[in-house]
PDB file of N, CA and C in Angstrom:
ATOM      1  N   MET A   1      12.017  37.340  -7.264  1.00  0.00           N
ATOM      2  CA  MET A   1      13.091  36.750  -7.888  1.00  0.00           C
ATOM      3  C   MET A   1      12.311  35.242  -8.513  1.00  0.00           C
ATOM      4  N   THR A   2      12.338  35.070  -9.578  1.00  0.00           N
ATOM      5  CA  THR A   2      11.642  34.116  -9.741  1.00  0.00           C
ATOM      6  C   THR A   2      12.588  32.781 -10.342  1.00  0.00           C
ATOM      7  N   ILE A   3      12.107  31.659  -9.241  1.00  0.00           N
ATOM      8  CA  ILE A   3      13.333  30.254 -10.090  1.00  0.00           C
ATOM      9  C   ILE A   3      12.418  29.577 -10.389  1.00  0.00           C
ATOM     10  N   SER A   4      12.924  29.112 -12.170  1.00  0.00           N
ATOM     11  CA  SER A   4      12.671  28.260 -12.366  1.00  0.00           C
ATOM     12  C   SER A   4      13.194  26.951 -12.973  1.00  0.00           C
ATOM     13  N   PRO A   5      13.140  26.339 -13.029  1.00  0.00           N
ATOM     14  CA  PRO A   5      13.590  24.478 -13.563  1.00  0.00           C
ATOM     15  C   PRO A   5      14.395  25.101 -15.301  1.00  0.00           C
ATOM     16  N   PRO A   6      15.065  25.032 -15.669  1.00  0.00           N
ATOM     17  CA  PRO A   6      15.565  25.423 -17.177  1.00  0.00           C
ATOM     18  C   PRO A   6      15.171  24.180 -18.039  1.00  0.00           C
ATOM     19  N   SER A   7      14.354  24.511 -19.219  1.00  0.00           N
ATOM     20  CA  SER A   7      14.167  23.395 -20.183  1.00  0.00           C
ATOM     21  C   SER A   7      15.393  22.778 -20.226  1.00  0.00           C
ATOM     22  N   PRO A   8      15.114  21.456 -20.902  1.00  0.00           N
ATOM     23  CA  PRO A   8      16.466  20.451 -21.167  1.00  0.00           C
ATOM     24  C   PRO A   8      17.774  21.303 -21.523  1.00  0.00           C
ATOM     25  N   ASP A   9      17.232  22.210 -22.343  1.00  0.00           N
ATOM     26  CA  ASP A   9      18.780  23.107 -23.078  1.00  0.00           C
ATOM     27  C   ASP A   9      18.732  23.891 -22.590  1.00  0.00           C
ATOM     28  N   GLY A  10      18.171  24.434 -21.419  1.00  0.00           N
ATOM     29  CA  GLY A  10      18.640  25.348 -20.664  1.00  0.00           C
ATOM     30  C   GLY A  10      18.791  26.512 -20.648  1.00  0.00           C
ATOM     31  N   THR A  11      18.037  27.180 -21.915  1.00  0.00           N
ATOM     32  CA  THR A  11      17.886  28.311 -22.231  1.00  0.00           C
ATOM     33  C   THR A  11      16.652  28.837 -22.028  1.00  0.00           C
ATOM     34  N   ARG A  12      15.604  28.394 -21.363  1.00  0.00           N
ATOM     35  CA  ARG A  12      14.259  29.051 -20.937  1.00  0.00           C
ATOM     36  C   ARG A  12      13.654  27.839 -20.222  1.00  0.00           C
ATOM     37  N   PRO A  13      12.545  28.840 -19.895  1.00  0.00           N
ATOM     38  CA  PRO A  13      11.626  28.363 -18.484  1.00  0.00           C
ATOM     39  C   PRO A  13      11.074  27.000 -19.339  1.00  0.00           C
ATOM     40  N   MET A  14      10.658  25.832 -18.545  1.00  0.00           N
ATOM     41  CA  MET A  14      10.212  24.709 -18.845  1.00  0.00           C
ATOM     42  C   MET A  14       8.729  24.803 -19.323  1.00  0.00           C
ATOM     43  N   ASN A  15       8.402  23.947 -20.799  1.00  0.00           N
ATOM     44  CA  ASN A  15       7.006  23.834 -20.728  1.00  0.00           C
ATOM     45  C   ASN A  15       6.314  22.697 -19.915  1.00  0.00           C
ATOM     46  N   LEU A  16       5.103  22.829 -19.772  1.00  0.00           N
ATOM     47  CA  LEU A  16       4.539  21.822 -19.419  1.00  0.00           C
ATOM     48  C   LEU A  16       4.765  20.421 -19.282  1.00  0.00           C
ATOM     49  N   GLU A  17       4.966  19.696 -20.509  1.00  0.00           N
ATOM     50  CA  GLU A  17       5.348  18.363 -20.801  1.00  0.00           C
ATOM     51  C   GLU A  17       6.791  18.547 -20.069  1.00  0.00           C
ATOM     52  N   GLU A  18       7.932  19.193 -20.471  1.00  0.00           N
ATOM     53  CA  GLU A  18       9.027  19.227 -19.832  1.00  0.00           C
ATOM     54  C   GLU A  18       9.472  18.871 -18.386  1.00  0.00           C
ATOM     55  N   PHE A  19       8.084  19.982 -17.697  1.00  0.00           N
ATOM     56  CA  PHE A  19       8.073  19.945 -16.355  1.00  0.00           C
ATOM     57  C   PHE A  19       7.423  18.507 -15.788  1.00  0.00           C
ATOM     58  N   LYS A  20       6.322  17.937 -16.775  1.00  0.00           N
ATOM     59  CA  LYS A  20       6.093  16.740 -16.257  1.00  0.00           C
ATOM     60  C   LYS A  20       7.044  15.806 -16.023  1.00  0.00           C
ATOM     61  N   ASN A  21       7.806  15.907 -17.197  1.00  0.00           N
ATOM     62  CA  ASN A  21       8.988  15.062 -17.345  1.00  0.00           C
ATOM     63  C   ASN A  21      10.010  15.150 -16.041  1.00  0.00           C
ATOM     64  N   PHE A  22      10.606  16.318 -15.999  1.00  0.00           N
ATOM     65  CA  PHE A  22      11.106  17.107 -14.645  1.00  0.00           C
ATOM     66  C   PHE A  22      10.582  16.375 -13.342  1.00  0.00           C
ATOM     67  N   LEU A  23       9.543  16.153 -13.243  1.00  0.00           N
ATOM     68  CA  LEU A  23       8.706  15.736 -11.803  1.00  0.00           C
ATOM     69  C   LEU A  23       9.060  14.337 -11.824  1.00  0.00           C
ATOM     70  N   LYS A  24       8.910  13.188 -13.194  1.00  0.00           N
ATOM     71  CA  LYS A  24       9.166  11.659 -13.416  1.00  0.00           C
ATOM     72  C   LYS A  24      10.243  12.146 -12.755  1.00  0.00           C
ATOM     73  N   LYS A  25      11.300  12.514 -12.933  1.00  0.00           N
ATOM     74  CA  LYS A  25      12.510  11.902 -12.629  1.00  0.00           C
ATOM     75  C   LYS A  25      12.916  12.035 -10.763  1.00  0.00           C
ATOM     76  N   PHE A  26      11.525  12.273 -10.269  1.00  0.00           N
ATOM     77  CA  PHE A  26      11.203  11.801  -8.642  1.00  0.00           C
ATOM     78  C   PHE A  26      10.436  11.191  -8.084  1.00  0.00           C
ATOM     79  N   ASP A  27      10.147  10.586  -9.487  1.00  0.00           N
ATOM     80  CA  ASP A  27       9.077   9.252  -8.657  1.00  0.00           C
ATOM     81  C   ASP A  27       9.772   7.869  -8.653  1.00  0.00           C
ATOM     82  N   GLY A  28      10.055   8.425  -7.277  1.00  0.00           N
ATOM     83  CA  GLY A  28      11.086   7.247  -6.638  1.00  0.00           C
ATOM     84  C   GLY A  28      10.578   5.675  -7.266  1.00  0.00           C
ATOM     85  N   ASN A  29       9.185   5.252  -6.969  1.00  0.00           N
ATOM     86  CA  ASN A  29       9.317   4.020  -7.042  1.00  0.00           C
ATOM     87  C   ASN A  29       8.361   4.015  -8.253  1.00  0.00           C
ATOM     88  N   LYS A  30       8.033   4.743  -9.224  1.00  0.00           N
ATOM     89  CA  LYS A  30       8.050   4.602 -10.638  1.00  0.00           C
ATOM     90  C   LYS A  30       6.440   4.423 -10.872  1.00  0.00           C
ATOM     91  N   ASP A  31       5.829   4.633  -9.643  1.00  0.00           N
ATOM     92  CA  ASP A  31       4.241   4.604  -9.716  1.00  0.00           C
ATOM     93  C   ASP A  31       3.274   5.951 -11.048  1.00  0.00           C
ATOM     94  N   ASN A  32       4.228   6.438 -11.727  1.00  0.00           N
ATOM     95  CA  ASN A  32       3.068   7.695 -12.161  1.00  0.00           C
ATOM     96  C   ASN A  32       2.274   8.627 -11.452  1.00  0.00           C
ATOM     97  N   ARG A  33       3.011   8.564  -9.851  1.00  0.00           N
ATOM     98  CA  ARG A  33       2.381   9.738  -9.203  1.00  0.00           C
ATOM     99  C   ARG A  33       3.258  10.311  -8.248  1.00  0.00           C
ATOM    100  N   ILE A  34       3.424  11.441  -7.706  1.00  0.00           N
ATOM    101  CA  ILE A  34       3.537  12.193  -6.343  1.00  0.00           C
ATOM    102  C   ILE A  34       3.180  12.200  -5.656  1.00  0.00           C
ATOM    103  N   SER A  35       4.227  11.628  -4.968  1.00  0.00           N
ATOM    104  CA  SER A  35       3.755  11.677  -3.059  1.00  0.00           C
ATOM    105  C   SER A  35       4.114  12.775  -2.465  1.00  0.00           C
ATOM    106  N   LYS A  36       4.104  13.350  -1.338  1.00  0.00           N
ATOM    107  CA  LYS A  36       4.422  13.846  -0.827  1.00  0.00           C
ATOM    108  C   LYS A  36       6.069  14.547  -0.433  1.00  0.00           C
ATOM    109  N   GLU A  37       6.527  13.202  -0.427  1.00  0.00           N
ATOM    110  CA  GLU A  37       7.995  13.225   0.065  1.00  0.00           C
ATOM    111  C   GLU A  37       8.423  13.274  -1.144  1.00  0.00           C
ATOM    112  N   GLU A  38       8.346  13.089  -2.433  1.00  0.00           N
ATOM    113  CA  GLU A  38       8.785  13.329  -3.714  1.00  0.00           C
ATOM    114  C   GLU A  38       8.465  14.597  -4.030  1.00  0.00           C
ATOM    115  N   LEU A  39       7.425  15.065  -3.445  1.00  0.00           N
ATOM    116  CA  LEU A  39       7.335  16.545  -3.370  1.00  0.00           C
ATOM    117  C   LEU A  39       8.218  17.592  -2.760  1.00  0.00           C
ATOM    118  N   GLN A  40       8.941  16.934  -1.775  1.00  0.00           N
ATOM    119  CA  GLN A  40       9.725  17.483  -0.848  1.00  0.00           C
ATOM    120  C   GLN A  40      11.004  17.408  -1.518  1.00  0.00           C
ATOM    121  N   ASP A  41      11.065  16.637  -2.497  1.00  0.00           N
ATOM    122  CA  ASP A  41      12.939  16.280  -2.642  1.00  0.00           C
ATOM    123  C   ASP A  41      13.094  17.235  -3.937  1.00  0.00           C
ATOM    124  N   ILE A  42      11.464  17.705  -4.695  1.00  0.00           N
ATOM    125  CA  ILE A  42      11.493  18.438  -5.828  1.00  0.00           C
ATOM    126  C   ILE A  42      12.056  19.753  -5.563  1.00  0.00           C
ATOM    127  N   ILE A  43      10.956  20.494  -4.327  1.00  0.00           N
ATOM    128  CA  ILE A  43      11.327  21.546  -3.971  1.00  0.00           C
ATOM    129  C   ILE A  43      12.463  21.630  -3.273  1.00  0.00           C
ATOM    130  N   ARG A  44      13.312  20.713  -2.731  1.00  0.00           N
ATOM    131  CA  ARG A  44      14.873  21.048  -2.045  1.00  0.00           C
ATOM    132  C   ARG A  44      15.601  20.985  -3.202  1.00  0.00           C
ATOM    133  N   SER A  45      15.450  20.305  -4.281  1.00  0.00           N
ATOM    134  CA  SER A  45      16.322  20.256  -5.230  1.00  0.00           C
ATOM    135  C   SER A  45      15.985  21.725  -6.030  1.00  0.00           C
ATOM    136  N   ASN A  46      14.724  22.560  -6.222  1.00  0.00           N
ATOM    137  CA  ASN A  46      15.083  23.801  -6.466  1.00  0.00           C
ATOM    138  C   ASN A  46      15.305  24.773  -5.685  1.00  0.00           C
ATOM    139  N   GLY A  47      16.076  24.356  -4.805  1.00  0.00           N
ATOM    140  CA  GLY A  47      17.072  25.459  -3.633  1.00  0.00           C
ATOM    141  C   GLY A  47      15.767  25.815  -2.534  1.00  0.00           C
ATOM    142  N   LYS A  48      14.699  25.556  -2.293  1.00  0.00           N
ATOM    143  CA  LYS A  48      14.128  26.024  -1.905  1.00  0.00           C
ATOM    144  C   LYS A  48      13.564  25.543  -0.516  1.00  0.00           C
ATOM    145  N   TRP A  49      13.500  26.212   0.788  1.00  0.00           N
ATOM    146  CA  TRP A  49      13.836  25.862   2.278  1.00  0.00           C
ATOM    147  C   TRP A  49      11.956  25.962   2.822  1.00  0.00           C
ATOM    148  N   PHE A  50      11.748  25.008   3.616  1.00  0.00           N
ATOM    149  CA  PHE A  50      10.477  24.694   4.091  1.00  0.00           C
ATOM    150  C   PHE A  50      10.296  23.521   2.843  1.00  0.00           C
ATOM    151  N   SER A  51      10.573  22.920   2.917  1.00  0.00           N
ATOM    152  CA  SER A  51      10.284  22.081   1.981  1.00  0.00           C
ATOM    153  C   SER A  51       9.256  21.089   2.315  1.00  0.00           C
ATOM    154  N   GLY A  52       9.578  20.473   3.672  1.00  0.00           N
ATOM    155  CA  GLY A  52       8.480  19.621   4.601  1.00  0.00           C
ATOM    156  C   GLY A  52       6.819  20.552   4.289  1.00  0.00           C
ATOM    157  N   TRP A  53       6.969  21.493   4.597  1.00  0.00           N
ATOM    158  CA  TRP A  53       5.854  22.424   5.149  1.00  0.00           C
ATOM    159  C   TRP A  53       5.202  22.888   3.726  1.00  0.00           C
ATOM    160  N   LYS A  54       6.335  23.387   2.442  1.00  0.00           N
ATOM    161  CA  LYS A  54       6.016  23.300   1.134  1.00  0.00           C
ATOM    162  C   LYS A  54       5.309  22.567   0.146  1.00  0.00           C
ATOM    163  N   SER A  55       6.027  21.069   0.590  1.00  0.00           N
ATOM    164  CA  SER A  55       4.984  19.916  -0.446  1.00  0.00           C
ATOM    165  C   SER A  55       3.612  19.437   0.778  1.00  0.00           C
ATOM    166  N   LYS A  56       3.737  19.660   1.871  1.00  0.00           N
ATOM    167  CA  LYS A  56       1.918  19.562   2.203  1.00  0.00           C
ATOM    168  C   LYS A  56       1.203  20.682   1.753  1.00  0.00           C
ATOM    169  N   ARG A  57       1.722  22.049   1.668  1.00  0.00           N
ATOM    170  CA  ARG A  57       0.909  22.518   1.124  1.00  0.00           C
ATOM    171  C   ARG A  57       0.221  22.703  -0.149  1.00  0.00           C
ATOM    172  N   ALA A  58       1.505  22.243  -1.558  1.00  0.00           N
ATOM    173  CA  ALA A  58       1.297  21.633  -2.771  1.00  0.00           C
ATOM    174  C   ALA A  58       0.243  20.523  -3.096  1.00  0.00           C
ATOM    175  N   LEU A  59       0.870  19.926  -2.003  1.00  0.00           N
ATOM    176  CA  LEU A  59      -0.425  18.000  -2.295  1.00  0.00           C
ATOM    177  C   LEU A  59      -1.708  18.532  -1.790  1.00  0.00           C
ATOM    178  N   SER A  60      -2.115  19.500  -0.499  1.00  0.00           N
ATOM    179  CA  SER A  60      -3.669  19.834  -0.282  1.00  0.00           C
ATOM    180  C   SER A  60      -4.196  20.260  -1.097  1.00  0.00           C
ATOM    181  N   HIS A  61      -3.332  21.602  -1.645  1.00  0.00           N
ATOM    182  CA  HIS A  61      -4.141  22.200  -3.516  1.00  0.00           C
ATOM    183  C   HIS A  61      -3.968  21.436  -4.593  1.00  0.00           C
ATOM    184  N   ALA A  62      -3.192  20.553  -4.793  1.00  0.00           N
ATOM    185  CA  ALA A  62      -3.168  19.489  -6.158  1.00  0.00           C
ATOM    186  C   ALA A  62      -3.843  18.373  -6.391  1.00  0.00           C
ATOM    187  N   ASP A  63      -4.220  17.726  -5.224  1.00  0.00           N
ATOM    188  CA  ASP A  63      -4.452  16.319  -5.004  1.00  0.00           C
ATOM    189  C   ASP A  63      -6.037  16.782  -4.867  1.00  0.00           C
ATOM    190  N   ALA A  64      -6.524  16.524  -6.001  1.00  0.00           N
ATOM    191  CA  ALA A  64      -8.000  17.151  -6.132  1.00  0.00           C
ATOM    192  C   ALA A  64      -9.063  16.120  -5.403  1.00  0.00           C
ATOM    193  N   ASN A  65      -8.408  14.521  -5.682  1.00  0.00           N
ATOM    194  CA  ASN A  65      -9.337  13.255  -5.415  1.00  0.00           C
ATOM    195  C   ASN A  65      -8.754  12.949  -3.414  1.00  0.00           C
ATOM    196  N   ARG A  66      -7.722  13.963  -3.245  1.00  0.00           N
ATOM    197  CA  ARG A  66      -7.647  13.148  -1.908  1.00  0.00           C
ATOM    198  C   ARG A  66      -6.834  11.897  -1.565  1.00  0.00           C
ATOM    199  N   ASP A  67      -6.402  11.131  -2.392  1.00  0.00           N
ATOM    200  CA  ASP A  67      -5.928  10.103  -2.364  1.00  0.00           C
ATOM    201  C   ASP A  67      -4.249  10.268  -1.919  1.00  0.00           C
ATOM    202  N   GLY A  68      -3.553  11.284  -1.616  1.00  0.00           N
ATOM    203  CA  GLY A  68      -2.245  11.823  -1.247  1.00  0.00           C
ATOM    204  C   GLY A  68      -1.286  11.714  -2.342  1.00  0.00           C
ATOM    205  N   PHE A  69      -1.467  11.540  -3.109  1.00  0.00           N
ATOM    206  CA  PHE A  69      -0.509  11.461  -4.474  1.00  0.00           C
ATOM    207  C   PHE A  69      -1.295  12.684  -5.943  1.00  0.00           C
ATOM    208  N   ILE A  70      -0.126  13.210  -6.375  1.00  0.00           N
ATOM    209  CA  ILE A  70      -0.522  13.990  -7.409  1.00  0.00           C
ATOM    210  C   ILE A  70      -0.660  13.424  -8.868  1.00  0.00           C
ATOM    211  N   ASP A  71      -1.465  13.018  -9.273  1.00  0.00           N
ATOM    212  CA  ASP A  71      -1.028  11.963 -10.839  1.00  0.00           C
ATOM    213  C   ASP A  71      -1.322  12.995 -11.978  1.00  0.00           C
ATOM    214  N   ASP A  72      -1.237  12.669 -13.195  1.00  0.00           N
ATOM    215  CA  ASP A  72      -1.213  13.466 -14.092  1.00  0.00           C
ATOM    216  C   ASP A  72      -2.512  14.156 -14.609  1.00  0.00           C
ATOM    217  N   LYS A  73      -3.469  13.683 -14.004  1.00  0.00           N
ATOM    218  CA  LYS A  73      -4.705  14.599 -14.024  1.00  0.00           C
ATOM    219  C   LYS A  73      -4.686  15.927 -13.014  1.00  0.00           C
ATOM    220  N   GLU A  74      -3.898  15.471 -12.154  1.00  0.00           N
ATOM    221  CA  GLU A  74      -3.888  16.597 -11.106  1.00  0.00           C
ATOM    222  C   GLU A  74      -2.432  17.620 -11.460  1.00  0.00           C
ATOM    223  N   MET A  75      -1.594  17.211 -12.440  1.00  0.00           N
ATOM    224  CA  MET A  75      -0.521  17.972 -12.446  1.00  0.00           C
ATOM    225  C   MET A  75      -0.790  19.725 -12.823  1.00  0.00           C
ATOM    226  N   ILE A  76      -1.938  20.032 -13.278  1.00  0.00           N
ATOM    227  CA  ILE A  76      -2.069  21.219 -13.657  1.00  0.00           C
ATOM    228  C   ILE A  76      -2.667  22.221 -12.496  1.00  0.00           C
ATOM    229  N   ASN A  77      -2.954  21.461 -11.296  1.00  0.00           N
ATOM    230  CA  ASN A  77      -3.244  22.131 -10.374  1.00  0.00           C
ATOM    231  C   ASN A  77      -1.754  22.278  -9.514  1.00  0.00           C
ATOM    232  N   LEU A  78      -0.906  21.836  -9.354  1.00  0.00           N
ATOM    233  CA  LEU A  78       0.554  21.416  -9.310  1.00  0.00           C
ATOM    234  C   LEU A  78       1.186  22.777  -9.796  1.00  0.00           C
ATOM    235  N   VAL A  79       1.340  22.566 -11.101  1.00  0.00           N
ATOM    236  CA  VAL A  79       1.844  23.791 -11.896  1.00  0.00           C
ATOM    237  C   VAL A  79       1.288  25.565 -11.175  1.00  0.00           C
ATOM    238  N   GLU A  80      -0.163  25.129 -11.426  1.00  0.00           N
ATOM    239  CA  GLU A  80      -0.755  26.379 -10.749  1.00  0.00           C
ATOM    240  C   GLU A  80      -0.188  26.696  -9.450  1.00  0.00           C
ATOM    241  N   PHE A  81      -0.200  25.707  -8.624  1.00  0.00           N
ATOM    242  CA  PHE A  81       0.152  26.272  -6.910  1.00  0.00           C
ATOM    243  C   PHE A  81       1.707  26.670  -7.108  1.00  0.00           C
ATOM    244  N   ALA A  82       2.769  25.884  -8.105  1.00  0.00           N
ATOM    245  CA  ALA A  82       4.137  26.265  -7.660  1.00  0.00           C
ATOM    246  C   ALA A  82       4.184  27.623  -8.900  1.00  0.00           C
ATOM    247  N   LYS A  83       3.617  28.230  -9.590  1.00  0.00           N
ATOM    248  CA  LYS A  83       3.772  29.608  -9.921  1.00  0.00           C
ATOM    249  C   LYS A  83       3.207  30.484  -9.075  1.00  0.00           C
ATOM    250  N   LYS A  84       2.085  30.147  -8.130  1.00  0.00           N
ATOM    251  CA  LYS A  84       1.598  31.413  -7.318  1.00  0.00           C
ATOM    252  C   LYS A  84       2.594  31.311  -5.655  1.00  0.00           C
ATOM    253  N   GLN A  85       2.820  30.042  -5.754  1.00  0.00           N
ATOM    254  CA  GLN A  85       3.299  29.844  -4.141  1.00  0.00           C
ATOM    255  C   GLN A  85       4.759  29.962  -4.558  1.00  0.00           C
ATOM    256  N   LEU A  86       5.419  29.390  -5.149  1.00  0.00           N
ATOM    257  CA  LEU A  86       6.846  28.672  -5.316  1.00  0.00           C
ATOM    258  C   LEU A  86       7.853  29.942  -6.600  1.00  0.00           C
ATOM    259  N   ASN A  87       6.747  30.245  -7.086  1.00  0.00           N
ATOM    260  CA  ASN A  87       7.412  31.529  -8.000  1.00  0.00           C
ATOM    261  C   ASN A  87       8.008  31.213  -8.834  1.00  0.00           C
ATOM    262  N   LEU A  88       7.409  29.851  -9.357  1.00  0.00           N
ATOM    263  CA  LEU A  88       8.285  28.732 -10.535  1.00  0.00           C
ATOM    264  C   LEU A  88       7.477  28.894 -12.218  1.00  0.00           C
ATOM    265  N   THR A  89       8.177  29.340 -12.845  1.00  0.00           N
ATOM    266  CA  THR A  89       7.737  29.359 -14.357  1.00  0.00           C
ATOM    267  C   THR A  89       7.470  28.087 -14.839  1.00  0.00           C
ATOM    268  N   VAL A  90       6.254  28.113 -15.464  1.00  0.00           N
ATOM    269  CA  VAL A  90       5.990  26.941 -16.549  1.00  0.00           C
ATOM    270  C   VAL A  90       5.399  27.569 -17.571  1.00  0.00           C
ATOM    271  N   VAL A  91       6.217  27.618 -18.605  1.00  0.00           N
ATOM    272  CA  VAL A  91       5.343  28.245 -19.662  1.00  0.00           C
ATOM    273  C   VAL A  91       4.063  27.244 -20.544  1.00  0.00           C
ATOM    274  N   ALA A  92       3.224  27.671 -21.857  1.00  0.00           N
ATOM    275  CA  ALA A  92       2.773  26.952 -22.413  1.00  0.00           C
ATOM    276  C   ALA A  92       3.871  26.267 -23.404  1.00  0.00           C
ATOM    277  N   ASN A  93       3.053  25.298 -23.709  1.00  0.00           N
ATOM    278  CA  ASN A  93       3.667  24.295 -24.741  1.00  0.00           C
ATOM    279  C   ASN A  93       3.720  24.827 -26.350  1.00  0.00           C
TER     280      ASN A  93
END
């Protein structure tokens, strides 16, 4: 079963830009980066279990510069992780 956050109109899977905008809603401190804690909130909001463990795995996969955050340049890494590990669908723009 694939679980995908819907597009803003709710009729199809998100594209990359819509996915980035979805993630920004969880950027509590508005630093334009996604922390492990913010990833947990994202995973939880999608109805997934083990959000702490999954967010740690996602961060280690996506965080290319190892600063503990996922920035805009690393977002594609997060998308690839989500597709493979969380069965999330993000379509091309």
